[in-house]
N, C-alpha and C. Protein backbone atom coordinates (compact mmCIF):
# COMPACT_ATOMS: atom_id res chain seq x y z
N MET A 1 0.67 -1.11 0.03
CA MET A 1 0.15 -0.05 0.11
C MET A 1 1.05 1.18 0.08
N ALA A 2 0.54 2.35 -0.94
CA ALA A 2 1.22 3.52 -0.88
C ALA A 2 1.32 4.31 0.24
N TYR A 3 2.24 5.05 0.51
CA TYR A 3 1.95 6.13 1.48
C TYR A 3 1.32 7.20 1.23
N LYS A 4 0.33 7.91 2.26
CA LYS A 4 -0.36 9.10 1.82
C LYS A 4 0.17 10.00 2.61
N ILE A 5 -0.14 11.24 2.43
CA ILE A 5 0.43 12.61 2.73
C ILE A 5 -1.29 13.09 3.21
N THR A 6 -1.11 13.51 4.82
CA THR A 6 -2.50 13.84 5.30
C THR A 6 -2.46 15.25 5.36
N ASP A 7 -3.69 15.87 5.81
CA ASP A 7 -3.81 17.34 6.10
C ASP A 7 -2.97 18.21 6.83
N ALA A 8 -1.96 17.43 7.60
CA ALA A 8 -1.06 18.06 8.55
C ALA A 8 0.07 18.82 7.59
N CYS A 9 0.10 18.15 6.31
CA CYS A 9 1.28 18.87 5.52
C CYS A 9 1.24 20.53 5.31
N VAL A 10 2.08 20.76 5.50
CA VAL A 10 2.42 22.36 5.48
C VAL A 10 3.02 23.05 4.00
N SER A 11 3.52 21.98 3.09
CA SER A 11 4.14 21.98 1.85
C SER A 11 5.33 22.68 1.54
N CYS A 12 5.99 22.07 2.68
CA CYS A 12 7.33 22.46 2.76
C CYS A 12 8.26 21.70 1.52
N GLY A 13 7.96 20.60 0.99
CA GLY A 13 8.75 19.88 0.17
C GLY A 13 9.70 18.95 0.62
N SER A 14 9.81 18.88 1.81
CA SER A 14 11.11 17.99 1.95
C SER A 14 11.11 16.38 1.65
N CYS A 15 9.60 16.06 1.43
CA CYS A 15 9.39 14.71 1.32
C CYS A 15 9.74 14.67 -0.53
N ALA A 16 9.35 15.44 -1.05
CA ALA A 16 9.17 15.28 -2.56
C ALA A 16 11.04 15.35 -2.88
N GLY A 17 12.04 16.07 -2.32
CA GLY A 17 13.32 16.04 -2.32
C GLY A 17 13.95 14.48 -1.73
N SER A 18 13.25 14.12 -0.98
CA SER A 18 13.77 12.95 -0.48
C SER A 18 13.37 11.64 -1.29
N CYS A 19 12.38 11.83 -1.98
CA CYS A 19 11.51 10.40 -2.83
C CYS A 19 12.66 10.00 -3.96
N PRO A 20 12.77 8.59 -3.79
CA PRO A 20 14.22 8.24 -4.68
C PRO A 20 13.76 7.91 -6.00
N VAL A 21 12.12 7.78 -6.05
CA VAL A 21 11.59 7.71 -7.69
C VAL A 21 10.90 8.66 -8.19
N GLY A 22 10.67 9.82 -7.44
CA GLY A 22 10.07 11.01 -7.64
C GLY A 22 8.46 10.63 -8.01
N ALA A 23 8.22 10.23 -6.74
CA ALA A 23 6.59 9.87 -7.12
C ALA A 23 5.83 11.01 -6.14
N ILE A 24 6.26 12.03 -5.56
CA ILE A 24 5.76 13.08 -4.78
C ILE A 24 5.89 14.68 -5.52
N ALA A 25 4.78 15.53 -5.83
CA ALA A 25 4.34 16.33 -6.22
C ALA A 25 3.89 17.28 -5.55
N GLU A 26 3.91 18.46 -5.76
CA GLU A 26 2.80 19.47 -5.27
C GLU A 26 1.30 19.63 -5.69
N GLY A 27 0.57 19.26 -4.90
CA GLY A 27 -0.96 19.44 -5.39
C GLY A 27 -1.73 20.47 -4.79
N ASP A 28 -3.11 20.37 -4.47
CA ASP A 28 -3.55 21.63 -4.22
C ASP A 28 -3.72 21.89 -2.86
N GLY A 29 -2.73 22.68 -2.09
CA GLY A 29 -2.87 22.89 -0.84
C GLY A 29 -1.81 21.96 0.06
N LYS A 30 -1.54 20.91 -0.81
CA LYS A 30 -0.18 20.18 -0.07
C LYS A 30 0.28 19.13 -0.94
N TYR A 31 1.53 18.57 -0.44
CA TYR A 31 1.82 17.49 -1.60
C TYR A 31 1.24 16.00 -1.32
N GLU A 32 1.61 15.55 -2.92
CA GLU A 32 0.48 14.39 -3.08
C GLU A 32 1.36 13.18 -3.36
N ILE A 33 0.95 12.20 -3.03
CA ILE A 33 1.97 10.76 -3.70
C ILE A 33 1.34 10.30 -4.65
N ASN A 34 2.05 9.91 -5.66
CA ASN A 34 1.51 9.00 -6.91
C ASN A 34 1.58 7.54 -6.69
N ALA A 35 0.23 7.06 -5.93
CA ALA A 35 0.40 5.68 -5.51
C ALA A 35 0.84 4.54 -6.63
N ASP A 36 0.68 4.95 -8.11
CA ASP A 36 1.50 4.03 -8.86
C ASP A 36 2.77 3.97 -9.16
N ALA A 37 3.56 5.01 -8.39
CA ALA A 37 4.89 5.05 -8.78
C ALA A 37 5.44 4.74 -7.17
N CYS A 38 4.80 5.14 -6.25
CA CYS A 38 5.29 5.20 -5.21
C CYS A 38 6.08 3.56 -4.76
N VAL A 39 7.14 3.25 -4.24
CA VAL A 39 7.34 2.14 -3.74
C VAL A 39 7.61 1.22 -2.45
N ASP A 40 6.95 2.15 -1.96
CA ASP A 40 6.83 1.74 -0.30
C ASP A 40 8.17 1.92 0.51
N CYS A 41 8.96 2.75 -0.01
CA CYS A 41 10.24 2.80 1.03
C CYS A 41 10.49 3.38 2.26
N GLY A 42 9.12 4.41 2.52
CA GLY A 42 9.31 5.31 3.77
C GLY A 42 10.25 6.07 3.68
N THR A 43 10.84 6.49 3.01
CA THR A 43 12.02 7.83 3.14
C THR A 43 11.24 8.78 3.12
N CYS A 44 9.83 9.03 2.70
CA CYS A 44 9.53 10.38 2.65
C CYS A 44 8.69 10.52 4.22
N ALA A 45 8.23 9.70 4.59
CA ALA A 45 7.78 9.79 6.21
C ALA A 45 8.78 10.10 6.77
N GLY A 46 9.84 9.19 6.92
CA GLY A 46 11.12 9.97 7.58
C GLY A 46 11.78 11.44 7.59
N SER A 47 11.43 11.94 6.42
CA SER A 47 11.79 13.05 6.35
C SER A 47 10.85 14.15 6.58
N CYS A 48 9.72 13.74 6.68
CA CYS A 48 8.65 14.78 7.00
C CYS A 48 8.62 15.32 8.69
N PRO A 49 8.97 16.97 8.67
CA PRO A 49 8.92 17.32 10.05
C PRO A 49 7.76 17.52 10.55
N MET A 50 6.74 17.25 10.02
CA MET A 50 5.17 17.16 10.56
C MET A 50 4.76 16.19 10.86
N GLY A 51 5.34 14.95 10.37
CA GLY A 51 4.66 13.70 10.43
C GLY A 51 3.44 13.40 9.76
N ALA A 52 3.44 14.08 8.42
CA ALA A 52 2.16 14.28 7.73
C ALA A 52 1.86 13.34 7.00
N ILE A 53 2.91 12.17 6.89
CA ILE A 53 3.04 11.08 5.94
C ILE A 53 2.97 9.90 6.83
N GLU A 54 1.85 8.98 6.53
CA GLU A 54 1.21 7.57 6.98
C GLU A 54 0.98 6.52 5.95
N GLN A 55 1.39 5.66 6.58
CA GLN A 55 0.76 4.29 5.28
C GLN A 55 -0.24 3.82 5.59
């Protein structure tokens, strides 16, 4: 199951820079993870200062 970015996202972009497959992009009001491209590595969750990414 792909990771998801919750409403706690403040659009800082740290997750997008850490994603090794480029599955994260800026969305409407928060960043979004492309579930088809996500490889479930969890790097994004570890890089989010707000704890806004969950599986």
